[in-house]
Amino acid sequence: MSTRWRNHLLLLLVTTLAVLATLAWQRWTAAPIAEARQQWQERQWLAVLPPGSYDNRPLAAALSLEHPTLAHSRLLAGYRASLAGNPVAILLHSRCQGYGGPIDLAIAIDRQGRLIGVQVLAQQESPGLGDQLVNPAVHWLEQFIGQTRTQDWALKRDHGAFDQLAGATVTSRAVIDALQDALRYFDEHRPALLGEVAP
């Protein structure tokens, strides 16, 4: 066998071993990476619930949502948080259309119909403007905590109660409309969402 063929075979062997080692590494690390991703998503989702307010795993089983397309948004999923077997809150995954693309929100509503938490899960808004939604220094979303469906949900510029994100009217209105949609949906589907028997 010539030196040239030996070099080709050696190169083929080294390449095959490298590919096999890469595949083995991916297979070995895939489960821990998937588990870490799921834990991160759960922490992000469950951050909308007050600590100690629930003792179940809310994200373990999705609720069936009837008519999830709402006036200004769409509900992608719903979950129930409970404490000692009693429902305490509903988590809704809402998607609305912002200025730069879809905005995904995790929305928590207590059993009385008050907004107790909201978190941006994904957004594509303009840097420095609409993306202030996720800026921890801005705290814009906190002004909605404790609100119910019956309260005034307009921006101050529209003679309402809420501040808007500076320079991001479209984003501000989209989020306000999605939150109001979620609260309205909760009010209209309360027994089913809480697992209670309708009167």
C-alpha atoms as a PDB file:
ATOM      1  CA  MET A   1       0.000   0.000   0.000  1.00  0.00           C
ATOM      2  CA  SER A   2       1.420   3.355  -0.993  1.00  0.00           C
ATOM      3  CA  THR A   3       2.065   6.201   1.420  1.00  0.00           C
ATOM      4  CA  ARG A   4      -0.614   8.223  -0.299  1.00  0.00           C
ATOM      5  CA  TRP A   5      -3.323   5.586   0.368  1.00  0.00           C
ATOM      6  CA  ARG A   6      -2.112   5.198   3.963  1.00  0.00           C
ATOM      7  CA  ASN A   7      -2.478   8.956   4.488  1.00  0.00           C
ATOM      8  CA  HIS A   8      -6.002   8.913   2.996  1.00  0.00           C
ATOM      9  CA  LEU A   9      -7.021   6.016   5.241  1.00  0.00           C
ATOM     10  CA  LEU A  10      -5.529   7.727   8.278  1.00  0.00           C
ATOM     11  CA  LEU A  11      -7.374  10.950   7.409  1.00  0.00           C
ATOM     12  CA  LEU A  12     -10.627   9.000   6.941  1.00  0.00           C
ATOM     13  CA  LEU A  13     -10.138   7.240  10.295  1.00  0.00           C
ATOM     14  CA  VAL A  14      -9.421  10.506  12.142  1.00  0.00           C
ATOM     15  CA  THR A  15     -12.439  12.199  10.509  1.00  0.00           C
ATOM     16  CA  THR A  16     -14.718   9.277  11.394  1.00  0.00           C
ATOM     17  CA  LEU A  17     -13.506   9.276  15.007  1.00  0.00           C
ATOM     18  CA  ALA A  18     -14.032  13.056  15.246  1.00  0.00           C
ATOM     19  CA  VAL A  19     -17.583  12.775  13.895  1.00  0.00           C
ATOM     20  CA  LEU A  20     -18.379   9.898  16.276  1.00  0.00           C
ATOM     21  CA  ALA A  21     -16.932  11.810  19.234  1.00  0.00           C
ATOM     22  CA  THR A  22     -19.016  14.897  18.312  1.00  0.00           C
ATOM     23  CA  LEU A  23     -22.203  12.823  18.002  1.00  0.00           C
ATOM     24  CA  ALA A  24     -21.499  11.083  21.315  1.00  0.00           C
ATOM     25  CA  TRP A  25     -20.886  14.447  23.017  1.00  0.00           C
ATOM     26  CA  GLN A  26     -24.136  15.889  21.629  1.00  0.00           C
ATOM     27  CA  ARG A  27     -26.078  12.843  22.765  1.00  0.00           C
ATOM     28  CA  TRP A  28     -24.476  12.922  26.206  1.00  0.00           C
ATOM     29  CA  THR A  29     -25.199  16.635  26.733  1.00  0.00           C
ATOM     30  CA  ALA A  30     -28.624  16.859  25.018  1.00  0.00           C
ATOM     31  CA  ALA A  31     -30.669  15.774  28.058  1.00  0.00           C
ATOM     32  CA  PRO A  32     -28.954  18.130  30.560  1.00  0.00           C
ATOM     33  CA  ILE A  33     -29.228  21.023  28.102  1.00  0.00           C
ATOM     34  CA  ALA A  34     -32.941  20.337  27.503  1.00  0.00           C
ATOM     35  CA  GLU A  35     -33.545  20.071  31.254  1.00  0.00           C
ATOM     36  CA  ALA A  36     -31.682  23.331  31.926  1.00  0.00           C
ATOM     37  CA  ARG A  37     -33.707  25.056  29.189  1.00  0.00           C
ATOM     38  CA  GLN A  38     -36.969  23.767  30.676  1.00  0.00           C
ATOM     39  CA  GLN A  39     -35.962  24.903  34.189  1.00  0.00           C
ATOM     40  CA  TRP A  40     -35.071  28.352  32.843  1.00  0.00           C
ATOM     41  CA  GLN A  41     -38.445  28.593  31.062  1.00  0.00           C
ATOM     42  CA  GLU A  42     -40.262  27.495  34.221  1.00  0.00           C
ATOM     43  CA  ARG A  43     -38.432  30.109  36.309  1.00  0.00           C
ATOM     44  CA  GLN A  44     -39.278  32.780  33.736  1.00  0.00           C
ATOM     45  CA  TRP A  45     -42.937  31.735  33.657  1.00  0.00           C
ATOM     46  CA  LEU A  46     -43.385  31.253  37.385  1.00  0.00           C
ATOM     47  CA  ALA A  47     -41.751  34.611  38.201  1.00  0.00           C
ATOM     48  CA  VAL A  48     -45.211  36.133  37.632  1.00  0.00           C
ATOM     49  CA  LEU A  49     -46.556  34.339  40.704  1.00  0.00           C
ATOM     50  CA  PRO A  50     -45.803  35.599  44.222  1.00  0.00           C
ATOM     51  CA  PRO A  51     -43.354  33.271  46.023  1.00  0.00           C
ATOM     52  CA  GLY A  52     -45.105  30.784  48.287  1.00  0.00           C
ATOM     53  CA  SER A  53     -48.504  31.429  46.719  1.00  0.00           C
ATOM     54  CA  TYR A  54     -48.742  27.967  45.119  1.00  0.00           C
ATOM     55  CA  ASP A  55     -47.531  24.440  45.840  1.00  0.00           C
ATOM     56  CA  ASN A  56     -48.301  22.577  42.611  1.00  0.00           C
ATOM     57  CA  ARG A  57     -46.375  22.486  39.347  1.00  0.00           C
ATOM     58  CA  PRO A  58     -48.596  24.788  37.270  1.00  0.00           C
ATOM     59  CA  LEU A  59     -46.819  24.143  33.984  1.00  0.00           C
ATOM     60  CA  ALA A  60     -47.176  20.365  34.264  1.00  0.00           C
ATOM     61  CA  ALA A  61     -50.604  20.326  32.599  1.00  0.00           C
ATOM     62  CA  ALA A  62     -52.017  22.897  30.202  1.00  0.00           C
ATOM     63  CA  LEU A  63     -55.655  23.916  30.443  1.00  0.00           C
ATOM     64  CA  SER A  64     -57.974  23.596  27.484  1.00  0.00           C
ATOM     65  CA  LEU A  65     -58.744  27.117  26.272  1.00  0.00           C
ATOM     66  CA  GLU A  66     -61.998  27.729  24.410  1.00  0.00           C
ATOM     67  CA  HIS A  67     -61.956  30.451  21.749  1.00  0.00           C
ATOM     68  CA  PRO A  68     -58.335  31.585  22.317  1.00  0.00           C
ATOM     69  CA  THR A  69     -58.389  34.265  19.602  1.00  0.00           C
ATOM     70  CA  LEU A  70     -59.295  37.503  21.374  1.00  0.00           C
ATOM     71  CA  ALA A  71     -59.955  41.069  20.220  1.00  0.00           C
ATOM     72  CA  HIS A  72     -56.301  42.188  20.214  1.00  0.00           C
ATOM     73  CA  SER A  73     -54.328  39.052  21.067  1.00  0.00           C
ATOM     74  CA  ARG A  74     -54.263  35.280  21.040  1.00  0.00           C
ATOM     75  CA  LEU A  75     -53.914  32.934  24.003  1.00  0.00           C
ATOM     76  CA  LEU A  76     -51.384  30.208  23.296  1.00  0.00           C
ATOM     77  CA  ALA A  77     -51.664  28.324  26.604  1.00  0.00           C
ATOM     78  CA  GLY A  78     -53.181  28.451  30.062  1.00  0.00           C
ATOM     79  CA  TYR A  79     -52.191  26.898  33.397  1.00  0.00           C
ATOM     80  CA  ARG A  80     -53.645  26.739  36.904  1.00  0.00           C
ATOM     81  CA  ALA A  81     -51.649  27.426  40.076  1.00  0.00           C
ATOM     82  CA  SER A  82     -53.048  25.990  43.269  1.00  0.00           C
ATOM     83  CA  LEU A  83     -52.270  25.913  46.977  1.00  0.00           C
ATOM     84  CA  ALA A  84     -53.365  22.943  49.094  1.00  0.00           C
ATOM     85  CA  GLY A  85     -55.502  21.780  46.167  1.00  0.00           C
ATOM     86  CA  ASN A  86     -57.371  25.097  45.806  1.00  0.00           C
ATOM     87  CA  PRO A  87     -56.878  27.211  42.662  1.00  0.00           C
ATOM     88  CA  VAL A  88     -55.171  30.527  43.423  1.00  0.00           C
ATOM     89  CA  ALA A  89     -54.193  31.890  40.014  1.00  0.00           C
ATOM     90  CA  ILE A  90     -54.360  31.327  36.283  1.00  0.00           C
ATOM     91  CA  LEU A  91     -51.322  31.810  34.063  1.00  0.00           C
ATOM     92  CA  LEU A  92     -51.991  32.736  30.456  1.00  0.00           C
ATOM     93  CA  HIS A  93     -49.502  32.756  27.593  1.00  0.00           C
ATOM     94  CA  SER A  94     -50.627  35.636  25.412  1.00  0.00           C
ATOM     95  CA  ARG A  95     -49.311  36.832  22.044  1.00  0.00           C
ATOM     96  CA  CYS A  96     -50.042  40.275  20.636  1.00  0.00           C
ATOM     97  CA  GLN A  97     -48.660  42.191  17.682  1.00  0.00           C
ATOM     98  CA  GLY A  98     -46.191  44.886  18.646  1.00  0.00           C
ATOM     99  CA  TYR A  99     -44.442  47.405  16.433  1.00  0.00           C
ATOM    100  CA  GLY A 100     -41.537  45.127  15.515  1.00  0.00           C
ATOM    101  CA  GLY A 101     -43.286  41.746  15.658  1.00  0.00           C
ATOM    102  CA  PRO A 102     -45.090  39.455  18.082  1.00  0.00           C
ATOM    103  CA  ILE A 103     -44.844  40.065  21.828  1.00  0.00           C
ATOM    104  CA  ASP A 104     -45.319  37.009  24.046  1.00  0.00           C
ATOM    105  CA  LEU A 105     -46.462  37.622  27.613  1.00  0.00           C
ATOM    106  CA  ALA A 106     -46.873  35.462  30.699  1.00  0.00           C
ATOM    107  CA  ILE A 107     -49.882  36.877  32.546  1.00  0.00           C
ATOM    108  CA  ALA A 108     -50.955  35.811  36.049  1.00  0.00           C
ATOM    109  CA  ILE A 109     -54.477  36.551  37.273  1.00  0.00           C
ATOM    110  CA  ASP A 110     -55.682  35.712  40.787  1.00  0.00           C
ATOM    111  CA  ARG A 111     -59.020  34.050  41.416  1.00  0.00           C
ATOM    112  CA  GLN A 112     -60.671  37.444  42.066  1.00  0.00           C
ATOM    113  CA  GLY A 113     -59.740  38.608  38.558  1.00  0.00           C
ATOM    114  CA  ARG A 114     -56.832  40.903  39.512  1.00  0.00           C
ATOM    115  CA  LEU A 115     -53.605  41.003  37.540  1.00  0.00           C
ATOM    116  CA  ILE A 116     -50.868  39.768  39.890  1.00  0.00           C
ATOM    117  CA  GLY A 117     -47.959  39.431  37.475  1.00  0.00           C
ATOM    118  CA  VAL A 118     -46.841  39.963  33.916  1.00  0.00           C
ATOM    119  CA  GLN A 119     -43.580  39.021  32.227  1.00  0.00           C
ATOM    120  CA  VAL A 120     -42.363  39.432  28.658  1.00  0.00           C
ATOM    121  CA  LEU A 121     -41.382  36.012  27.308  1.00  0.00           C
ATOM    122  CA  ALA A 122     -40.322  37.160  23.837  1.00  0.00           C
ATOM    123  CA  GLN A 123     -40.339  40.418  21.867  1.00  0.00           C
ATOM    124  CA  GLN A 124     -38.826  41.995  18.763  1.00  0.00           C
ATOM    125  CA  GLU A 125     -39.417  45.652  19.523  1.00  0.00           C
ATOM    126  CA  SER A 126     -37.137  48.510  18.479  1.00  0.00           C
ATOM    127  CA  PRO A 127     -33.963  48.773  20.577  1.00  0.00           C
ATOM    128  CA  GLY A 128     -34.127  51.706  22.973  1.00  0.00           C
ATOM    129  CA  LEU A 129     -37.874  52.174  22.484  1.00  0.00           C
ATOM    130  CA  GLY A 130     -40.299  49.247  22.594  1.00  0.00           C
ATOM    131  CA  ASP A 131     -37.711  46.907  24.050  1.00  0.00           C
ATOM    132  CA  GLN A 132     -37.968  48.943  27.269  1.00  0.00           C
ATOM    133  CA  LEU A 133     -40.610  46.325  28.107  1.00  0.00           C
ATOM    134  CA  VAL A 134     -37.805  44.060  29.285  1.00  0.00           C
ATOM    135  CA  ASN A 135     -35.571  46.724  30.831  1.00  0.00           C
ATOM    136  CA  PRO A 136     -35.526  45.975  34.584  1.00  0.00           C
ATOM    137  CA  ALA A 137     -34.768  49.636  35.358  1.00  0.00           C
ATOM    138  CA  VAL A 138     -37.953  50.892  33.682  1.00  0.00           C
ATOM    139  CA  HIS A 139     -40.565  48.854  35.654  1.00  0.00           C
ATOM    140  CA  TRP A 140     -43.244  49.812  33.126  1.00  0.00           C
ATOM    141  CA  LEU A 141     -45.231  46.597  33.487  1.00  0.00           C
ATOM    142  CA  GLU A 142     -45.502  47.006  37.273  1.00  0.00           C
ATOM    143  CA  GLN A 143     -48.109  49.775  36.919  1.00  0.00           C
ATOM    144  CA  PHE A 144     -50.647  47.149  35.868  1.00  0.00           C
ATOM    145  CA  ILE A 145     -50.304  44.899  38.937  1.00  0.00           C
ATOM    146  CA  GLY A 146     -53.531  44.829  40.931  1.00  0.00           C
ATOM    147  CA  GLN A 147     -55.651  46.043  38.014  1.00  0.00           C
ATOM    148  CA  THR A 148     -58.939  44.404  37.034  1.00  0.00           C
ATOM    149  CA  ARG A 149     -60.936  44.338  33.843  1.00  0.00           C
ATOM    150  CA  THR A 150     -63.301  47.049  35.017  1.00  0.00           C
ATOM    151  CA  GLN A 151     -60.655  49.743  35.429  1.00  0.00           C
ATOM    152  CA  ASP A 152     -59.636  52.391  32.884  1.00  0.00           C
ATOM    153  CA  TRP A 153     -57.145  50.786  30.504  1.00  0.00           C
ATOM    154  CA  ALA A 154     -56.209  53.719  28.263  1.00  0.00           C
ATOM    155  CA  LEU A 155     -52.896  55.528  28.024  1.00  0.00           C
ATOM    156  CA  LYS A 156     -52.645  58.973  29.609  1.00  0.00           C
ATOM    157  CA  ARG A 157     -52.193  60.465  26.149  1.00  0.00           C
ATOM    158  CA  ASP A 158     -55.641  58.992  25.368  1.00  0.00           C
ATOM    159  CA  HIS A 159     -57.074  60.471  28.612  1.00  0.00           C
ATOM    160  CA  GLY A 160     -56.518  57.224  30.480  1.00  0.00           C
ATOM    161  CA  ALA A 161     -54.657  56.147  33.606  1.00  0.00           C
ATOM    162  CA  PHE A 162     -51.464  54.538  32.308  1.00  0.00           C
ATOM    163  CA  ASP A 163     -48.076  55.869  31.257  1.00  0.00           C
ATOM    164  CA  GLN A 164     -46.751  54.697  27.928  1.00  0.00           C
ATOM    165  CA  LEU A 165     -43.246  53.593  27.078  1.00  0.00           C
ATOM    166  CA  ALA A 166     -41.433  56.691  25.834  1.00  0.00           C
ATOM    167  CA  GLY A 167     -41.562  56.768  22.041  1.00  0.00           C
ATOM    168  CA  ALA A 168     -43.330  53.412  21.835  1.00  0.00           C
ATOM    169  CA  THR A 169     -47.055  54.081  21.585  1.00  0.00           C
ATOM    170  CA  VAL A 170     -47.765  51.034  19.400  1.00  0.00           C
ATOM    171  CA  THR A 171     -45.948  48.704  21.810  1.00  0.00           C
ATOM    172  CA  SER A 172     -47.643  50.275  24.834  1.00  0.00           C
ATOM    173  CA  ARG A 173     -51.120  49.965  23.340  1.00  0.00           C
ATOM    174  CA  ALA A 174     -50.493  46.381  22.195  1.00  0.00           C
ATOM    175  CA  VAL A 175     -49.485  45.261  25.690  1.00  0.00           C
ATOM    176  CA  ILE A 176     -52.342  47.131  27.394  1.00  0.00           C
ATOM    177  CA  ASP A 177     -54.841  45.595  24.963  1.00  0.00           C
ATOM    178  CA  ALA A 178     -53.404  42.099  25.512  1.00  0.00           C
ATOM    179  CA  LEU A 179     -53.615  42.474  29.295  1.00  0.00           C
ATOM    180  CA  GLN A 180     -57.197  43.689  29.053  1.00  0.00           C
ATOM    181  CA  ASP A 181     -58.018  40.801  26.699  1.00  0.00           C
ATOM    182  CA  ALA A 182     -56.586  38.326  29.227  1.00  0.00           C
ATOM    183  CA  LEU A 183     -58.572  39.812  32.121  1.00  0.00           C
ATOM    184  CA  ARG A 184     -61.769  39.806  30.043  1.00  0.00           C
ATOM    185  CA  TYR A 185     -61.125  36.184  29.032  1.00  0.00           C
ATOM    186  CA  PHE A 186     -60.613  35.221  32.668  1.00  0.00           C
ATOM    187  CA  ASP A 187     -63.871  36.895  33.709  1.00  0.00           C
ATOM    188  CA  GLU A 188     -65.815  35.196  30.920  1.00  0.00           C
ATOM    189  CA  HIS A 189     -64.304  31.721  31.504  1.00  0.00           C
ATOM    190  CA  ARG A 190     -63.661  31.845  35.255  1.00  0.00           C
ATOM    191  CA  PRO A 191     -65.392  28.570  36.272  1.00  0.00           C
ATOM    192  CA  ALA A 192     -63.666  26.509  33.581  1.00  0.00           C
ATOM    193  CA  LEU A 193     -60.253  28.067  34.221  1.00  0.00           C
ATOM    194  CA  LEU A 194     -60.487  27.593  37.993  1.00  0.00           C
ATOM    195  CA  GLY A 195     -61.911  24.079  37.658  1.00  0.00           C
ATOM    196  CA  GLU A 196     -65.154  25.026  39.358  1.00  0.00           C
ATOM    197  CA  VAL A 197     -68.621  23.846  38.429  1.00  0.00           C
ATOM    198  CA  ALA A 198     -70.480  26.609  36.614  1.00  0.00           C
ATOM    199  CA  PRO A 199     -73.710  27.707  38.356  1.00  0.00           C
END
